[in-house]
Amino acid sequence: PWKLAVTRRRTVGDVGPPPYRARNGHLLLVDVAITNNTSKSVEAISPWTLTSGGTTYEASSACDIGLRGKGVSGVVEVRAGKQLTGTVCFDVPESVASGSLAFSPMLGGGVAARTRL
């Protein structure tokens, strides 16, 4: 019922002045399109994770402000039958450039969509 696509990814050192700078190596910015093909709208808090090399990273919602309205790392709403696009930000070690991106809209509700970076 959910569809997740990555449209672009890139690494940067910052998305503005502190606190929007990488602390762990670099910021991995992932442009996504998530489509809710269910009949129920969902509001989620920090629903994104990236798993790489056996380690799971949570999205950095602090980046959302630095991304000037394009960030979807923090609180997001995906309406029924609609698509949400935006940028998810991960503060990760420089060795992390790929992995498995997951969208989990409900706490403890499992992964709704997953794709490879």
Protein backbone atom coordinates (compact mmCIF):
# COMPACT_ATOMS: atom_id res chain seq x y z
CA PRO A 1 0.00 0.00 0.00
CA TRP A 2 2.99 2.38 0.42
CA LYS A 3 5.51 3.24 -2.28
CA LEU A 4 8.92 4.77 -1.55
CA ALA A 5 11.33 6.14 -4.15
CA VAL A 6 14.69 7.90 -3.80
CA THR A 7 15.08 10.61 -6.40
CA ARG A 8 18.50 11.95 -5.36
CA ARG A 9 21.15 11.62 -2.67
CA ARG A 10 24.14 13.73 -1.77
CA THR A 11 26.52 14.43 1.10
CA VAL A 12 27.26 17.83 2.60
CA GLY A 13 28.99 19.19 5.69
CA ASP A 14 26.15 21.45 6.69
CA VAL A 15 22.77 22.88 5.74
CA GLY A 16 23.36 26.22 7.44
CA PRO A 17 24.95 27.56 10.62
CA PRO A 18 25.16 25.44 13.81
CA PRO A 19 23.26 23.36 14.85
CA TYR A 20 22.74 22.32 11.22
CA ARG A 21 26.27 20.97 10.77
CA ALA A 22 27.40 17.36 10.71
CA ARG A 23 28.58 16.04 14.07
CA ASN A 24 29.35 12.47 13.07
CA GLY A 25 31.10 12.92 9.69
CA HIS A 26 28.74 14.28 7.05
CA LEU A 27 25.07 14.87 6.37
CA LEU A 28 23.56 12.42 3.92
CA LEU A 29 20.63 14.16 2.22
CA VAL A 30 18.13 11.85 0.54
CA ASP A 31 15.36 13.26 -1.66
CA VAL A 32 12.35 10.99 -1.39
CA ALA A 33 8.83 10.51 -2.67
CA ILE A 34 6.58 8.48 -0.38
CA THR A 35 3.09 7.57 -1.60
CA ASN A 36 0.30 6.53 0.76
CA ASN A 37 -1.90 4.20 -1.27
CA THR A 38 -4.06 3.40 1.76
CA SER A 39 -7.40 4.92 2.74
CA LYS A 40 -6.03 6.39 5.98
CA SER A 41 -3.99 9.58 6.44
CA VAL A 42 -0.97 9.17 8.72
CA GLU A 43 0.97 11.65 10.85
CA ALA A 44 4.38 10.36 11.86
CA ILE A 45 7.21 11.63 14.06
CA SER A 46 10.73 10.91 12.77
CA PRO A 47 9.60 7.96 10.66
CA TRP A 48 12.87 7.47 8.74
CA THR A 49 15.78 5.12 9.41
CA LEU A 50 18.87 4.19 7.41
CA THR A 51 20.59 0.86 8.00
CA SER A 52 24.15 0.51 6.75
CA GLY A 53 26.83 -1.98 7.75
CA GLY A 54 24.68 -3.41 10.53
CA THR A 55 24.08 -0.01 12.16
CA THR A 56 20.74 1.80 12.09
CA TYR A 57 20.66 5.61 12.01
CA GLU A 58 17.63 7.80 12.71
CA ALA A 59 16.94 10.84 10.57
CA SER A 60 18.09 14.18 11.98
CA SER A 61 15.04 16.40 12.35
CA ALA A 62 17.32 19.34 13.28
CA CYS A 63 18.23 19.54 9.59
CA ASP A 64 14.63 20.31 8.59
CA ILE A 65 14.93 23.99 9.54
CA GLY A 66 18.19 24.33 7.64
CA LEU A 67 16.56 22.77 4.58
CA ARG A 68 14.13 25.70 4.41
CA GLY A 69 10.82 23.89 4.22
CA LYS A 70 12.00 20.94 2.12
CA GLY A 71 12.90 18.69 5.06
CA VAL A 72 10.70 15.75 6.00
CA SER A 73 12.89 14.21 8.73
CA GLY A 74 10.73 15.27 11.70
CA VAL A 75 6.94 15.37 11.89
CA VAL A 76 5.28 14.51 8.58
CA GLU A 77 1.73 13.93 7.42
CA VAL A 78 1.03 11.71 4.45
CA ARG A 79 -2.60 11.98 3.40
CA ALA A 80 -4.51 8.99 2.10
CA GLY A 81 -4.00 8.53 -1.62
CA LYS A 82 -1.35 11.29 -1.77
CA GLN A 83 2.39 11.62 -2.23
CA LEU A 84 4.82 13.50 0.00
CA THR A 85 8.15 14.67 -1.41
CA GLY A 86 11.06 16.22 0.41
CA THR A 87 14.54 15.68 1.82
CA VAL A 88 15.47 13.33 4.65
CA CYS A 89 18.69 14.16 6.50
CA PHE A 90 21.00 11.70 8.26
CA ASP A 91 24.06 12.72 10.31
CA VAL A 92 26.32 9.72 9.66
CA PRO A 93 30.02 8.76 9.56
CA GLU A 94 31.77 9.57 6.29
CA SER A 95 32.02 5.86 5.51
CA VAL A 96 28.20 5.67 5.15
CA ALA A 97 26.99 6.43 1.62
CA SER A 98 24.47 3.66 1.01
CA GLY A 99 22.17 1.29 2.81
CA SER A 100 18.52 0.48 3.33
CA LEU A 101 16.13 3.41 3.80
CA ALA A 102 12.93 2.65 5.72
CA PHE A 103 9.73 4.60 6.41
CA SER A 104 7.85 3.55 9.57
CA PRO A 105 4.83 5.79 10.14
CA MET A 106 3.63 4.20 13.39
CA LEU A 107 5.66 3.63 16.55
CA GLY A 108 5.96 -0.13 16.87
CA GLY A 109 3.83 -0.53 13.75
CA GLY A 110 6.56 -1.91 11.54
CA VAL A 111 8.07 -0.71 8.29
CA ALA A 112 5.58 0.52 5.68
CA ALA A 113 8.11 0.97 2.87
CA ARG A 114 11.80 0.24 2.30
CA THR A 115 14.24 0.84 -0.54
CA ARG A 116 17.98 0.66 -1.22
CA LEU A 117 20.14 3.75 -1.49
